Amino acid sequence: MNNFKNNHRRNRYKSNGDRSFRKRNGNGHKINGEFNNNLDFIRKNPGRNNQNASKLIDKYNDLAKEAISNGDKILSENYLQHADHFARILQSREVAREANFNSSLTEETTSENVKQSEINAEKRLIDK
């Protein structure tokens, strides 16, 4: 008697017939293109990290100081490059935020000017 076989349990692994997504052409690439650009792909939070960029700058500057105190100049330079990268990201975000703020101000003043000119035109029509 074979007690080790569990025929009543569902097979946990897919059969070979279910593996159609792994089919490849002769070059070893997927049929539908392994490196195609999917235009429908949208990240949930583009450009976001787990931590704030300013916190990451402080973190990498601290790591650079620690590495230089241990005598590792190369690792220190690596950490400083990371800190510089996040400083540039922070600066680009600030520039984009200012540009967005300025464009919203311009749109508001433009819409106010349009409304004022419409009111003036209506007044001229009423006066005639």
Protein backbone atom coordinates (compact mmCIF):
# COMPACT_ATOMS: atom_id res chain seq x y z
CA MET A 1 0.00 0.00 0.00
CA ASN A 2 1.33 3.41 -0.99
CA ASN A 3 0.52 5.96 1.72
CA PHE A 4 2.73 8.71 0.30
CA LYS A 5 0.61 9.48 -2.73
CA ASN A 6 -1.99 12.18 -2.26
CA ASN A 7 -4.16 11.89 -5.32
CA HIS A 8 -6.90 13.98 -3.80
CA ARG A 9 -4.68 17.11 -3.57
CA ARG A 10 -4.58 19.59 -6.40
CA ASN A 11 -1.36 19.73 -8.37
CA ARG A 12 0.53 22.85 -7.27
CA TYR A 13 2.48 23.20 -10.49
CA LYS A 14 1.14 24.23 -13.88
CA SER A 15 1.20 21.68 -16.62
CA ASN A 16 3.26 22.26 -19.73
CA GLY A 17 0.11 23.25 -21.59
CA ASP A 18 -0.34 26.27 -19.32
CA ARG A 19 3.10 27.67 -20.03
CA SER A 20 2.29 29.34 -23.34
CA PHE A 21 3.68 32.64 -22.06
CA ARG A 22 7.17 31.16 -22.11
CA LYS A 23 7.17 30.34 -25.81
CA ARG A 24 10.10 31.89 -27.64
CA ASN A 25 11.11 32.11 -31.25
CA GLY A 26 14.43 30.80 -32.61
CA ASN A 27 16.47 33.77 -31.33
CA GLY A 28 15.55 33.14 -27.71
CA HIS A 29 13.30 36.21 -27.60
CA LYS A 30 9.64 36.18 -26.78
CA ILE A 31 7.32 36.11 -29.76
CA ASN A 32 5.52 39.32 -28.86
CA GLY A 33 8.81 41.16 -28.27
CA GLU A 34 10.72 41.09 -25.05
CA PHE A 35 11.64 44.77 -25.07
CA ASN A 36 8.54 46.34 -26.54
CA ASN A 37 7.49 49.75 -25.29
CA ASN A 38 4.17 49.35 -23.56
CA LEU A 39 2.41 52.68 -23.86
CA ASP A 40 -0.23 51.64 -21.35
CA PHE A 41 2.33 51.23 -18.57
CA ILE A 42 1.93 53.94 -15.94
CA ARG A 43 3.77 53.96 -12.65
CA LYS A 44 1.73 54.65 -9.57
CA ASN A 45 4.13 57.21 -8.15
CA PRO A 46 6.71 58.23 -10.76
CA GLY A 47 9.87 59.69 -9.34
CA ARG A 48 9.06 58.83 -5.76
CA ASN A 49 11.37 57.00 -3.43
CA ASN A 50 10.65 55.45 -0.10
CA GLN A 51 12.16 58.48 1.59
CA ASN A 52 12.17 62.20 1.00
CA ALA A 53 14.93 63.49 -1.31
CA SER A 54 16.25 65.89 1.34
CA LYS A 55 16.49 63.01 3.83
CA LEU A 56 18.38 60.95 1.26
CA ILE A 57 20.82 63.83 0.70
CA ASP A 58 21.51 63.96 4.44
CA LYS A 59 21.83 60.17 4.58
CA TYR A 60 24.41 59.96 1.79
CA ASN A 61 26.37 62.95 3.12
CA ASP A 62 26.56 61.25 6.51
CA LEU A 63 27.66 57.98 4.89
CA ALA A 64 30.32 59.88 2.94
CA LYS A 65 31.67 61.46 6.13
CA GLU A 66 31.77 58.04 7.78
CA ALA A 67 33.56 56.49 4.82
CA ILE A 68 36.17 59.25 4.69
CA SER A 69 36.78 58.86 8.43
CA ASN A 70 37.43 55.15 7.82
CA GLY A 71 39.92 56.08 5.09
CA ASP A 72 37.85 54.91 2.10
CA LYS A 73 37.98 57.82 -0.37
CA ILE A 74 36.38 55.91 -3.22
CA LEU A 75 33.32 54.90 -1.22
CA SER A 76 33.06 58.44 0.10
CA GLU A 77 33.04 59.82 -3.46
CA ASN A 78 30.38 57.29 -4.40
CA TYR A 79 28.14 58.46 -1.56
CA LEU A 80 28.76 62.10 -2.49
CA GLN A 81 27.66 61.35 -6.05
CA HIS A 82 24.46 59.82 -4.70
CA ALA A 83 23.85 62.91 -2.58
CA ASP A 84 24.48 65.13 -5.61
CA HIS A 85 22.00 63.09 -7.64
CA PHE A 86 19.24 63.61 -5.09
CA ALA A 87 20.15 67.29 -4.76
CA ARG A 88 19.60 67.66 -8.52
CA ILE A 89 16.26 65.85 -8.24
CA LEU A 90 15.19 68.18 -5.42
CA GLN A 91 16.27 71.22 -7.44
CA SER A 92 14.39 70.07 -10.55
CA ARG A 93 11.24 69.51 -8.47
CA GLU A 94 11.49 73.03 -7.07
CA VAL A 95 11.95 74.50 -10.56
CA ALA A 96 8.96 72.53 -11.85
CA ARG A 97 6.88 73.63 -8.87
CA GLU A 98 7.79 77.30 -9.49
CA ALA A 99 7.00 76.98 -13.20
CA ASN A 100 3.65 75.39 -12.40
CA PHE A 101 2.87 78.13 -9.88
CA ASN A 102 3.83 80.86 -12.37
CA SER A 103 1.75 79.30 -15.14
CA SER A 104 -1.26 79.05 -12.84
CA LEU A 105 -0.86 82.73 -11.94
CA THR A 106 -0.63 83.61 -15.63
CA GLU A 107 -3.77 81.61 -16.39
CA GLU A 108 -5.65 83.33 -13.55
CA THR A 109 -4.67 86.82 -14.68
CA THR A 110 -5.49 85.93 -18.30
CA SER A 111 -8.93 84.65 -17.34
CA GLU A 112 -9.50 87.77 -15.22
CA ASN A 113 -8.49 89.98 -18.16
CA VAL A 114 -10.85 88.10 -20.48
CA LYS A 115 -13.72 88.48 -18.01
CA GLN A 116 -12.99 92.19 -17.59
CA SER A 117 -12.89 92.74 -21.36
CA GLU A 118 -16.22 90.90 -21.72
CA ILE A 119 -17.76 93.12 -19.04
CA ASN A 120 -16.41 96.23 -20.77
CA ALA A 121 -17.80 95.04 -24.12
CA GLU A 122 -21.22 94.45 -22.55
CA LYS A 123 -21.15 97.93 -20.98
CA ARG A 124 -20.37 99.48 -24.38
CA LEU A 125 -23.28 97.61 -25.96
CA ILE A 126 -25.62 98.74 -23.20
CA ASP A 127 -24.44 102.36 -23.48
CA LYS A 128 -25.15 102.44 -27.25
